[in-house]
């Protein structure tokens, strides 16, 4: 019942950009993911949307965090070893807030960072 009330409070209009939209929220300590997925015809034309709510149980959340942690450690190890061998790799950390609304893409940002380092 509390979930239904929260979803009613979070009522939204359908987006005009036909992209995947999602929002994570917490109710009574439980994590939920609300998803709005565009559905397309065989010709690629927008046919409608599929909206759903997924309950993320504690074990799944713990598993995801563990996998992210191990992946980050592996990436850091590879970057460290590459740096020891003389391969310089620029690492850029950008938050969602920094990218919101400005068409930011990681590829564009990395290309700009590489250009900056090339000019330095």
C-alpha atoms as a PDB file:
ATOM      1  CA  UNK A   1       0.000   0.000   0.000  1.00  0.00           C
ATOM      2  CA  UNK A   2       2.837   2.407   0.856  1.00  0.00           C
ATOM      3  CA  UNK A   3       4.429   1.679  -2.545  1.00  0.00           C
ATOM      4  CA  UNK A   4       1.223   2.612  -4.366  1.00  0.00           C
ATOM      5  CA  UNK A   5       1.000   5.877  -2.436  1.00  0.00           C
ATOM      6  CA  UNK A   6       4.616   6.723  -3.246  1.00  0.00           C
ATOM      7  CA  UNK A   7       4.121   5.955  -6.942  1.00  0.00           C
ATOM      8  CA  UNK A   8       1.018   8.133  -7.004  1.00  0.00           C
ATOM      9  CA  UNK A   9       3.054  10.944  -5.455  1.00  0.00           C
ATOM     10  CA  UNK A  10       5.780  10.471  -8.094  1.00  0.00           C
ATOM     11  CA  UNK A  11       3.309  10.693 -10.979  1.00  0.00           C
ATOM     12  CA  UNK A  12       5.061  11.806 -14.150  1.00  0.00           C
ATOM     13  CA  UNK A  13       4.250  12.664 -17.737  1.00  0.00           C
ATOM     14  CA  UNK A  14       5.604  10.572 -20.565  1.00  0.00           C
ATOM     15  CA  UNK A  15       8.892  11.872 -21.989  1.00  0.00           C
ATOM     16  CA  UNK A  16       9.147  13.267 -25.485  1.00  0.00           C
ATOM     17  CA  UNK A  17      12.657  11.991 -26.198  1.00  0.00           C
ATOM     18  CA  UNK A  18      11.767   8.257 -26.489  1.00  0.00           C
ATOM     19  CA  UNK A  19      14.763   7.271 -24.342  1.00  0.00           C
ATOM     20  CA  UNK A  20      14.941   4.873 -21.407  1.00  0.00           C
ATOM     21  CA  UNK A  21      14.129   6.661 -18.153  1.00  0.00           C
ATOM     22  CA  UNK A  22      14.555   5.315 -14.643  1.00  0.00           C
ATOM     23  CA  UNK A  23      14.504   6.520 -11.068  1.00  0.00           C
ATOM     24  CA  UNK A  24      15.638   4.773  -7.900  1.00  0.00           C
ATOM     25  CA  UNK A  25      13.850   5.502  -4.644  1.00  0.00           C
ATOM     26  CA  UNK A  26      13.665   4.113  -1.119  1.00  0.00           C
ATOM     27  CA  UNK A  27      10.498   3.343   0.843  1.00  0.00           C
ATOM     28  CA  UNK A  28      10.795   2.128   4.441  1.00  0.00           C
ATOM     29  CA  UNK A  29      14.430   1.150   3.846  1.00  0.00           C
ATOM     30  CA  UNK A  30      13.612  -0.896   0.725  1.00  0.00           C
ATOM     31  CA  UNK A  31      15.061   0.034  -2.682  1.00  0.00           C
ATOM     32  CA  UNK A  32      12.880   0.296  -5.781  1.00  0.00           C
ATOM     33  CA  UNK A  33      13.601   1.126  -9.406  1.00  0.00           C
ATOM     34  CA  UNK A  34      10.888   2.720 -11.547  1.00  0.00           C
ATOM     35  CA  UNK A  35      11.525   2.191 -15.267  1.00  0.00           C
ATOM     36  CA  UNK A  36       9.926   3.757 -18.326  1.00  0.00           C
ATOM     37  CA  UNK A  37      10.989   1.875 -21.463  1.00  0.00           C
ATOM     38  CA  UNK A  38      10.058   3.007 -24.997  1.00  0.00           C
ATOM     39  CA  UNK A  39       8.596   0.282 -27.219  1.00  0.00           C
ATOM     40  CA  UNK A  40       9.245   0.475 -30.952  1.00  0.00           C
ATOM     41  CA  UNK A  41       7.675  -1.097 -34.004  1.00  0.00           C
ATOM     42  CA  UNK A  42       9.704  -3.200 -36.424  1.00  0.00           C
ATOM     43  CA  UNK A  43      10.298  -0.038 -38.445  1.00  0.00           C
ATOM     44  CA  UNK A  44      11.723   1.740 -35.388  1.00  0.00           C
ATOM     45  CA  UNK A  45       8.733   4.027 -34.828  1.00  0.00           C
ATOM     46  CA  UNK A  46       7.725   4.687 -31.220  1.00  0.00           C
ATOM     47  CA  UNK A  47       4.695   2.522 -30.419  1.00  0.00           C
ATOM     48  CA  UNK A  48       4.315   3.245 -26.709  1.00  0.00           C
ATOM     49  CA  UNK A  49       5.965   2.778 -23.342  1.00  0.00           C
ATOM     50  CA  UNK A  50       6.345  -0.023 -20.832  1.00  0.00           C
ATOM     51  CA  UNK A  51       6.415   1.208 -17.263  1.00  0.00           C
ATOM     52  CA  UNK A  52       7.321  -0.949 -14.302  1.00  0.00           C
ATOM     53  CA  UNK A  53       8.606  -0.960 -10.759  1.00  0.00           C
ATOM     54  CA  UNK A  54      11.280  -3.397  -9.632  1.00  0.00           C
ATOM     55  CA  UNK A  55      11.970  -4.169  -5.981  1.00  0.00           C
ATOM     56  CA  UNK A  56      15.725  -4.481  -5.392  1.00  0.00           C
ATOM     57  CA  UNK A  57      16.180  -6.878  -2.501  1.00  0.00           C
ATOM     58  CA  UNK A  58      19.100  -6.479  -0.106  1.00  0.00           C
ATOM     59  CA  UNK A  59      20.991  -9.513  -1.447  1.00  0.00           C
ATOM     60  CA  UNK A  60      20.829  -8.261  -5.048  1.00  0.00           C
ATOM     61  CA  UNK A  61      21.990  -4.795  -3.985  1.00  0.00           C
ATOM     62  CA  UNK A  62      24.850  -6.336  -2.005  1.00  0.00           C
ATOM     63  CA  UNK A  63      25.844  -8.503  -4.998  1.00  0.00           C
ATOM     64  CA  UNK A  64      25.842  -5.492  -7.334  1.00  0.00           C
ATOM     65  CA  UNK A  65      27.962  -3.435  -4.940  1.00  0.00           C
ATOM     66  CA  UNK A  66      30.407  -6.332  -4.560  1.00  0.00           C
ATOM     67  CA  UNK A  67      30.731  -6.724  -8.333  1.00  0.00           C
ATOM     68  CA  UNK A  68      31.277  -2.985  -8.798  1.00  0.00           C
ATOM     69  CA  UNK A  69      33.924  -2.992  -6.049  1.00  0.00           C
ATOM     70  CA  UNK A  70      35.796  -5.920  -7.600  1.00  0.00           C
ATOM     71  CA  UNK A  71      35.597  -4.361 -11.074  1.00  0.00           C
ATOM     72  CA  UNK A  72      36.959  -1.050  -9.784  1.00  0.00           C
ATOM     73  CA  UNK A  73      39.821  -2.823  -8.037  1.00  0.00           C
ATOM     74  CA  UNK A  74      40.672  -4.702 -11.241  1.00  0.00           C
ATOM     75  CA  UNK A  75      40.572  -1.484 -13.300  1.00  0.00           C
ATOM     76  CA  UNK A  76      42.786   0.310 -10.775  1.00  0.00           C
ATOM     77  CA  UNK A  77      45.264  -2.594 -10.800  1.00  0.00           C
ATOM     78  CA  UNK A  78      45.421  -2.582 -14.619  1.00  0.00           C
ATOM     79  CA  UNK A  79      45.863   1.221 -14.705  1.00  0.00           C
ATOM     80  CA  UNK A  80      48.572   1.048 -12.032  1.00  0.00           C
ATOM     81  CA  UNK A  81      50.451  -1.705 -13.877  1.00  0.00           C
ATOM     82  CA  UNK A  82      50.069   0.154 -17.188  1.00  0.00           C
ATOM     83  CA  UNK A  83      51.440   3.311 -15.609  1.00  0.00           C
ATOM     84  CA  UNK A  84      54.448   1.376 -14.272  1.00  0.00           C
ATOM     85  CA  UNK A  85      55.128   0.193 -17.841  1.00  0.00           C
ATOM     86  CA  UNK A  86      54.962   3.761 -19.167  1.00  0.00           C
ATOM     87  CA  UNK A  87      51.419   3.816 -20.534  1.00  0.00           C
ATOM     88  CA  UNK A  88      49.723   6.985 -19.339  1.00  0.00           C
ATOM     89  CA  UNK A  89      45.926   6.742 -19.131  1.00  0.00           C
ATOM     90  CA  UNK A  90      43.925   9.815 -18.130  1.00  0.00           C
ATOM     91  CA  UNK A  91      41.233   8.883 -15.608  1.00  0.00           C
ATOM     92  CA  UNK A  92      38.211  11.157 -15.334  1.00  0.00           C
ATOM     93  CA  UNK A  93      35.526  10.979 -12.666  1.00  0.00           C
ATOM     94  CA  UNK A  94      32.276  12.758 -13.477  1.00  0.00           C
ATOM     95  CA  UNK A  95      29.109  12.680 -11.460  1.00  0.00           C
ATOM     96  CA  UNK A  96      25.595  12.389 -12.825  1.00  0.00           C
ATOM     97  CA  UNK A  97      24.926  15.986 -11.759  1.00  0.00           C
ATOM     98  CA  UNK A  98      27.842  17.202 -13.886  1.00  0.00           C
ATOM     99  CA  UNK A  99      26.395  15.517 -16.978  1.00  0.00           C
ATOM    100  CA  UNK A 100      22.700  16.251 -16.428  1.00  0.00           C
ATOM    101  CA  UNK A 101      21.053  18.263 -19.151  1.00  0.00           C
ATOM    102  CA  UNK A 102      24.161  19.139 -21.140  1.00  0.00           C
ATOM    103  CA  UNK A 103      24.404  16.161 -23.476  1.00  0.00           C
ATOM    104  CA  UNK A 104      27.537  14.944 -21.736  1.00  0.00           C
ATOM    105  CA  UNK A 105      28.945  11.661 -22.914  1.00  0.00           C
ATOM    106  CA  UNK A 106      31.949   9.885 -21.479  1.00  0.00           C
ATOM    107  CA  UNK A 107      33.495   9.545 -24.951  1.00  0.00           C
ATOM    108  CA  UNK A 108      33.206  13.290 -25.640  1.00  0.00           C
ATOM    109  CA  UNK A 109      34.666  14.107 -22.235  1.00  0.00           C
ATOM    110  CA  UNK A 110      37.562  11.647 -22.612  1.00  0.00           C
ATOM    111  CA  UNK A 111      38.341  13.023 -26.078  1.00  0.00           C
ATOM    112  CA  UNK A 112      38.388  16.553 -24.668  1.00  0.00           C
ATOM    113  CA  UNK A 113      40.620  15.436 -21.778  1.00  0.00           C
ATOM    114  CA  UNK A 114      42.991  13.671 -24.177  1.00  0.00           C
ATOM    115  CA  UNK A 115      43.148  16.804 -26.337  1.00  0.00           C
ATOM    116  CA  UNK A 116      43.968  18.875 -23.251  1.00  0.00           C
ATOM    117  CA  UNK A 117      46.800  16.508 -22.261  1.00  0.00           C
ATOM    118  CA  UNK A 118      48.111  16.449 -25.833  1.00  0.00           C
ATOM    119  CA  UNK A 119      48.301  20.275 -25.863  1.00  0.00           C
ATOM    120  CA  UNK A 120      49.993  20.474 -22.446  1.00  0.00           C
END
